């Protein structure tokens, strides 16, 4: 599954160009990795309530990097 994804900053404002934003499923292998989305730190999402974001989006949103 893939499609448009919108991320909001702490004030609720959409970050970036919504027409160029994409989202996709993270489908891990038995080791917990999805080769399409290499993680520089941490791990990929493991529940329906988690997401993984690229570093630029995290910085634009003013979110803490984990």
PDB file of N, CA and C in Angstrom:
ATOM      1  N   UNK A   1       0.835  -1.159   0.000  1.00  0.00           N
ATOM      2  CA  UNK A   1       0.000   0.000   0.000  1.00  0.00           C
ATOM      3  C   UNK A   1       0.886   1.229   0.000  1.00  0.00           C
ATOM      4  N   UNK A   2       0.526   2.224  -0.781  1.00  0.00           N
ATOM      5  CA  UNK A   2       1.251   3.488  -0.758  1.00  0.00           C
ATOM      6  C   UNK A   2       0.304   4.594  -1.197  1.00  0.00           C
ATOM      7  N   UNK A   3       0.654   5.810  -0.877  1.00  0.00           N
ATOM      8  CA  UNK A   3      -0.189   6.941  -1.251  1.00  0.00           C
ATOM      9  C   UNK A   3       0.316   8.216  -0.619  1.00  0.00           C
ATOM     10  N   UNK A   4      -0.510   9.232  -0.640  1.00  0.00           N
ATOM     11  CA  UNK A   4      -0.156  10.531  -0.070  1.00  0.00           C
ATOM     12  C   UNK A   4      -0.189  10.458   1.454  1.00  0.00           C
ATOM     13  N   UNK A   5       0.765  11.097   2.075  1.00  0.00           N
ATOM     14  CA  UNK A   5       0.829  11.147   3.533  1.00  0.00           C
ATOM     15  C   UNK A   5       1.112  12.578   3.955  1.00  0.00           C
ATOM     16  N   UNK A   6       0.395  13.049   4.949  1.00  0.00           N
ATOM     17  CA  UNK A   6       0.613  14.399   5.458  1.00  0.00           C
ATOM     18  C   UNK A   6       1.111  14.309   6.899  1.00  0.00           C
ATOM     19  N   UNK A   7       2.116  15.081   7.196  1.00  0.00           N
ATOM     20  CA  UNK A   7       2.666  15.165   8.547  1.00  0.00           C
ATOM     21  C   UNK A   7       2.462  16.598   9.018  1.00  0.00           C
ATOM     22  N   UNK A   8       2.014  16.731  10.248  1.00  0.00           N
ATOM     23  CA  UNK A   8       1.772  18.063  10.814  1.00  0.00           C
ATOM     24  C   UNK A   8       2.822  18.382  11.873  1.00  0.00           C
ATOM     25  N   UNK A   9       3.154  19.672  11.978  1.00  0.00           N
ATOM     26  CA  UNK A   9       4.074  20.097  13.023  1.00  0.00           C
ATOM     27  C   UNK A   9       3.316  20.220  14.344  1.00  0.00           C
ATOM     28  N   UNK A  10       3.993  20.666  15.392  1.00  0.00           N
ATOM     29  CA  UNK A  10       3.366  20.721  16.714  1.00  0.00           C
ATOM     30  C   UNK A  10       2.211  21.711  16.787  1.00  0.00           C
ATOM     31  N   UNK A  11       2.091  22.611  15.788  1.00  0.00           N
ATOM     32  CA  UNK A  11       0.972  23.558  15.746  1.00  0.00           C
ATOM     33  C   UNK A  11      -0.176  23.050  14.877  1.00  0.00           C
ATOM     34  N   UNK A  12       0.000  21.871  14.280  1.00  0.00           N
ATOM     35  CA  UNK A  12      -1.044  21.313  13.432  1.00  0.00           C
ATOM     36  C   UNK A  12      -0.956  21.724  11.979  1.00  0.00           C
ATOM     37  N   UNK A  13       0.099  22.444  11.603  1.00  0.00           N
ATOM     38  CA  UNK A  13       0.282  22.876  10.217  1.00  0.00           C
ATOM     39  C   UNK A  13       0.981  21.785   9.413  1.00  0.00           C
ATOM     40  N   UNK A  14       0.502  21.554   8.194  1.00  0.00           N
ATOM     41  CA  UNK A  14       1.100  20.545   7.328  1.00  0.00           C
ATOM     42  C   UNK A  14       2.516  20.937   6.950  1.00  0.00           C
ATOM     43  N   UNK A  15       3.413  19.955   6.974  1.00  0.00           N
ATOM     44  CA  UNK A  15       4.817  20.168   6.650  1.00  0.00           C
ATOM     45  C   UNK A  15       5.055  19.803   5.195  1.00  0.00           C
ATOM     46  N   UNK A  16       5.761  20.660   4.485  1.00  0.00           N
ATOM     47  CA  UNK A  16       6.166  20.349   3.118  1.00  0.00           C
ATOM     48  C   UNK A  16       5.040  20.444   2.109  1.00  0.00           C
ATOM     49  N   UNK A  17       5.317  19.963   0.922  1.00  0.00           N
ATOM     50  CA  UNK A  17       4.390  20.004  -0.208  1.00  0.00           C
ATOM     51  C   UNK A  17       3.545  18.739  -0.209  1.00  0.00           C
ATOM     52  N   UNK A  18       2.274  18.851   0.146  1.00  0.00           N
ATOM     53  CA  UNK A  18       1.386  17.699   0.258  1.00  0.00           C
ATOM     54  C   UNK A  18       1.277  16.927  -1.057  1.00  0.00           C
ATOM     55  N   UNK A  19       1.428  17.599  -2.175  1.00  0.00           N
ATOM     56  CA  UNK A  19       1.326  16.919  -3.465  1.00  0.00           C
ATOM     57  C   UNK A  19       2.549  16.051  -3.758  1.00  0.00           C
ATOM     58  N   UNK A  20       3.628  16.258  -3.025  1.00  0.00           N
ATOM     59  CA  UNK A  20       4.844  15.468  -3.232  1.00  0.00           C
ATOM     60  C   UNK A  20       5.136  14.548  -2.056  1.00  0.00           C
ATOM     61  N   UNK A  21       4.249  14.515  -1.080  1.00  0.00           N
ATOM     62  CA  UNK A  21       4.445  13.671   0.098  1.00  0.00           C
ATOM     63  C   UNK A  21       3.929  12.266  -0.181  1.00  0.00           C
ATOM     64  N   UNK A  22       4.692  11.271   0.217  1.00  0.00           N
ATOM     65  CA  UNK A  22       4.252   9.893   0.018  1.00  0.00           C
ATOM     66  C   UNK A  22       4.405   9.091   1.301  1.00  0.00           C
ATOM     67  N   UNK A  23       3.623   8.064   1.383  1.00  0.00           N
ATOM     68  CA  UNK A  23       3.694   7.128   2.500  1.00  0.00           C
ATOM     69  C   UNK A  23       3.621   5.717   1.937  1.00  0.00           C
ATOM     70  N   UNK A  24       4.111   4.767   2.666  1.00  0.00           N
ATOM     71  CA  UNK A  24       4.083   3.368   2.212  1.00  0.00           C
ATOM     72  C   UNK A  24       4.162   2.449   3.423  1.00  0.00           C
ATOM     73  N   UNK A  25       3.779   1.217   3.231  1.00  0.00           N
ATOM     74  CA  UNK A  25       3.893   0.216   4.280  1.00  0.00           C
ATOM     75  C   UNK A  25       5.344  -0.178   4.486  1.00  0.00           C
ATOM     76  N   UNK A  26       5.698  -0.427   5.715  1.00  0.00           N
ATOM     77  CA  UNK A  26       6.995  -0.984   6.082  1.00  0.00           C
ATOM     78  C   UNK A  26       6.770  -2.476   6.267  1.00  0.00           C
ATOM     79  N   UNK A  27       7.416  -3.280   5.431  1.00  0.00           N
ATOM     80  CA  UNK A  27       7.215  -4.734   5.466  1.00  0.00           C
ATOM     81  C   UNK A  27       8.551  -5.390   5.817  1.00  0.00           C
ATOM     82  N   UNK A  28       8.753  -5.644   7.108  1.00  0.00           N
ATOM     83  CA  UNK A  28      10.051  -6.177   7.525  1.00  0.00           C
ATOM     84  C   UNK A  28      10.229  -7.654   7.180  1.00  0.00           C
ATOM     85  N   UNK A  29      11.499  -8.013   6.981  1.00  0.00           N
ATOM     86  CA  UNK A  29      11.843  -9.416   6.805  1.00  0.00           C
ATOM     87  C   UNK A  29      11.991 -10.056   8.188  1.00  0.00           C
ATOM     88  N   UNK A  30      12.472 -11.268   8.249  1.00  0.00           N
ATOM     89  CA  UNK A  30      12.580 -11.974   9.539  1.00  0.00           C
ATOM     90  C   UNK A  30      13.550 -11.288  10.508  1.00  0.00           C
ATOM     91  N   UNK A  31      14.451 -10.455   9.979  1.00  0.00           N
ATOM     92  CA  UNK A  31      15.394  -9.720  10.828  1.00  0.00           C
ATOM     93  C   UNK A  31      14.853  -8.347  11.229  1.00  0.00           C
ATOM     94  N   UNK A  32      13.643  -8.003  10.763  1.00  0.00           N
ATOM     95  CA  UNK A  32      13.041  -6.720  11.120  1.00  0.00           C
ATOM     96  C   UNK A  32      13.410  -5.574  10.209  1.00  0.00           C
ATOM     97  N   UNK A  33      13.992  -5.864   9.041  1.00  0.00           N
ATOM     98  CA  UNK A  33      14.412  -4.830   8.104  1.00  0.00           C
ATOM     99  C   UNK A  33      13.572  -4.857   6.837  1.00  0.00           C
ATOM    100  N   UNK A  34      13.356  -3.706   6.248  1.00  0.00           N
ATOM    101  CA  UNK A  34      12.730  -3.591   4.930  1.00  0.00           C
ATOM    102  C   UNK A  34      13.772  -2.915   4.042  1.00  0.00           C
ATOM    103  N   UNK A  35      14.315  -3.653   3.070  1.00  0.00           N
ATOM    104  CA  UNK A  35      15.412  -3.150   2.238  1.00  0.00           C
ATOM    105  C   UNK A  35      15.073  -1.855   1.507  1.00  0.00           C
ATOM    106  N   UNK A  36      13.785  -1.580   1.300  1.00  0.00           N
ATOM    107  CA  UNK A  36      13.393  -0.341   0.616  1.00  0.00           C
ATOM    108  C   UNK A  36      13.614   0.882   1.490  1.00  0.00           C
ATOM    109  N   UNK A  37      13.650   0.687   2.804  1.00  0.00           N
ATOM    110  CA  UNK A  37      13.747   1.802   3.751  1.00  0.00           C
ATOM    111  C   UNK A  37      14.830   1.521   4.788  1.00  0.00           C
ATOM    112  N   UNK A  38      16.091   1.718   4.433  1.00  0.00           N
ATOM    113  CA  UNK A  38      17.155   1.487   5.412  1.00  0.00           C
ATOM    114  C   UNK A  38      17.080   2.520   6.539  1.00  0.00           C
ATOM    115  N   UNK A  39      17.172   2.056   7.763  1.00  0.00           N
ATOM    116  CA  UNK A  39      17.090   2.929   8.935  1.00  0.00           C
ATOM    117  C   UNK A  39      18.491   3.344   9.356  1.00  0.00           C
ATOM    118  N   UNK A  40      18.715   4.650   9.468  1.00  0.00           N
ATOM    119  CA  UNK A  40      20.015   5.145   9.912  1.00  0.00           C
ATOM    120  C   UNK A  40      20.179   5.002  11.410  1.00  0.00           C
ATOM    121  N   UNK A  41      19.066   5.045  12.121  1.00  0.00           N
ATOM    122  CA  UNK A  41      19.086   4.824  13.559  1.00  0.00           C
ATOM    123  C   UNK A  41      17.725   4.298  13.965  1.00  0.00           C
ATOM    124  N   UNK A  42      17.660   3.649  15.084  1.00  0.00           N
ATOM    125  CA  UNK A  42      16.391   3.114  15.569  1.00  0.00           C
ATOM    126  C   UNK A  42      15.941   1.910  14.759  1.00  0.00           C
ATOM    127  N   UNK A  43      14.633   1.758  14.650  1.00  0.00           N
ATOM    128  CA  UNK A  43      14.043   0.620  13.950  1.00  0.00           C
ATOM    129  C   UNK A  43      12.814   1.083  13.197  1.00  0.00           C
ATOM    130  N   UNK A  44      12.334   0.252  12.344  1.00  0.00           N
ATOM    131  CA  UNK A  44      11.105   0.553  11.621  1.00  0.00           C
ATOM    132  C   UNK A  44       9.899   0.393  12.530  1.00  0.00           C
ATOM    133  N   UNK A  45       8.744   0.900  12.098  1.00  0.00           N
ATOM    134  CA  UNK A  45       7.529   0.762  12.898  1.00  0.00           C
ATOM    135  C   UNK A  45       7.179  -0.708  13.121  1.00  0.00           C
ATOM    136  N   UNK A  46       6.685  -1.018  14.315  1.00  0.00           N
ATOM    137  CA  UNK A  46       6.321  -2.405  14.602  1.00  0.00           C
ATOM    138  C   UNK A  46       4.855  -2.563  14.995  1.00  0.00           C
ATOM    139  N   UNK A  47       4.136  -1.449  15.145  1.00  0.00           N
ATOM    140  CA  UNK A  47       2.697  -1.515  15.426  1.00  0.00           C
ATOM    141  C   UNK A  47       1.973  -0.494  14.552  1.00  0.00           C
ATOM    142  N   UNK A  48       0.673  -0.594  14.513  1.00  0.00           N
ATOM    143  CA  UNK A  48      -0.144   0.313  13.698  1.00  0.00           C
ATOM    144  C   UNK A  48      -0.140   1.749  14.229  1.00  0.00           C
ATOM    145  N   UNK A  49       0.374   1.955  15.426  1.00  0.00           N
ATOM    146  CA  UNK A  49       0.401   3.303  16.002  1.00  0.00           C
ATOM    147  C   UNK A  49       1.759   3.978  15.843  1.00  0.00           C
ATOM    148  N   UNK A  50       2.686   3.351  15.117  1.00  0.00           N
ATOM    149  CA  UNK A  50       4.019   3.906  14.925  1.00  0.00           C
ATOM    150  C   UNK A  50       4.246   4.291  13.468  1.00  0.00           C
ATOM    151  N   UNK A  51       5.117   5.278  13.260  1.00  0.00           N
ATOM    152  CA  UNK A  51       5.547   5.675  11.920  1.00  0.00           C
ATOM    153  C   UNK A  51       7.051   5.900  11.948  1.00  0.00           C
ATOM    154  N   UNK A  52       7.657   5.861  10.785  1.00  0.00           N
ATOM    155  CA  UNK A  52       9.061   6.234  10.632  1.00  0.00           C
ATOM    156  C   UNK A  52       9.094   7.445   9.713  1.00  0.00           C
ATOM    157  N   UNK A  53       9.897   8.435  10.069  1.00  0.00           N
ATOM    158  CA  UNK A  53      10.009   9.661   9.284  1.00  0.00           C
ATOM    159  C   UNK A  53      11.446   9.887   8.865  1.00  0.00           C
ATOM    160  N   UNK A  54      11.616  10.541   7.724  1.00  0.00           N
ATOM    161  CA  UNK A  54      12.962  10.912   7.309  1.00  0.00           C
ATOM    162  C   UNK A  54      13.455  12.083   8.159  1.00  0.00           C
ATOM    163  N   UNK A  55      14.762  12.241   8.218  1.00  0.00           N
ATOM    164  CA  UNK A  55      15.385  13.250   9.079  1.00  0.00           C
ATOM    165  C   UNK A  55      14.902  14.670   8.755  1.00  0.00           C
ATOM    166  N   UNK A  56      14.760  15.018   7.466  1.00  0.00           N
ATOM    167  CA  UNK A  56      14.323  16.365   7.089  1.00  0.00           C
ATOM    168  C   UNK A  56      12.934  16.669   7.635  1.00  0.00           C
ATOM    169  N   UNK A  57      12.025  15.711   7.559  1.00  0.00           N
ATOM    170  CA  UNK A  57      10.667  15.921   8.066  1.00  0.00           C
ATOM    171  C   UNK A  57      10.681  16.115   9.571  1.00  0.00           C
ATOM    172  N   UNK A  58      11.468  15.318  10.260  1.00  0.00           N
ATOM    173  CA  UNK A  58      11.583  15.453  11.720  1.00  0.00           C
ATOM    174  C   UNK A  58      12.067  16.852  12.077  1.00  0.00           C
ATOM    175  N   UNK A  59      13.078  17.322  11.370  1.00  0.00           N
ATOM    176  CA  UNK A  59      13.630  18.666  11.653  1.00  0.00           C
ATOM    177  C   UNK A  59      12.615  19.758  11.340  1.00  0.00           C
ATOM    178  N   UNK A  60      11.926  19.652  10.193  1.00  0.00           N
ATOM    179  CA  UNK A  60      10.928  20.674   9.823  1.00  0.00           C
ATOM    180  C   UNK A  60       9.778  20.708  10.818  1.00  0.00           C
ATOM    181  N   UNK A  61       9.436  19.556  11.392  1.00  0.00           N
ATOM    182  CA  UNK A  61       8.326  19.476  12.357  1.00  0.00           C
ATOM    183  C   UNK A  61       8.729  19.910  13.740  1.00  0.00           C
ATOM    184  N   UNK A  62      10.038  20.028  13.974  1.00  0.00           N
ATOM    185  CA  UNK A  62      10.499  20.367  15.315  1.00  0.00           C
ATOM    186  C   UNK A  62      10.311  19.220  16.290  1.00  0.00           C
ATOM    187  N   UNK A  63      10.314  17.990  15.769  1.00  0.00           N
ATOM    188  CA  UNK A  63      10.134  16.807  16.602  1.00  0.00           C
ATOM    189  C   UNK A  63      11.474  16.345  17.148  1.00  0.00           C
ATOM    190  N   UNK A  64      11.444  15.658  18.280  1.00  0.00           N
ATOM    191  CA  UNK A  64      12.716  15.125  18.801  1.00  0.00           C
ATOM    192  C   UNK A  64      13.136  13.904  17.981  1.00  0.00           C
ATOM    193  N   UNK A  65      14.396  13.827  17.627  1.00  0.00           N
ATOM    194  CA  UNK A  65      14.914  12.652  16.921  1.00  0.00           C
ATOM    195  C   UNK A  65      15.090  11.537  17.947  1.00  0.00           C
ATOM    196  N   UNK A  66      14.680  10.342  17.598  1.00  0.00           N
ATOM    197  CA  UNK A  66      14.806   9.213  18.522  1.00  0.00           C
ATOM    198  C   UNK A  66      15.580   8.111  17.870  1.00  0.00           C
TER     199      UNK A  66
END
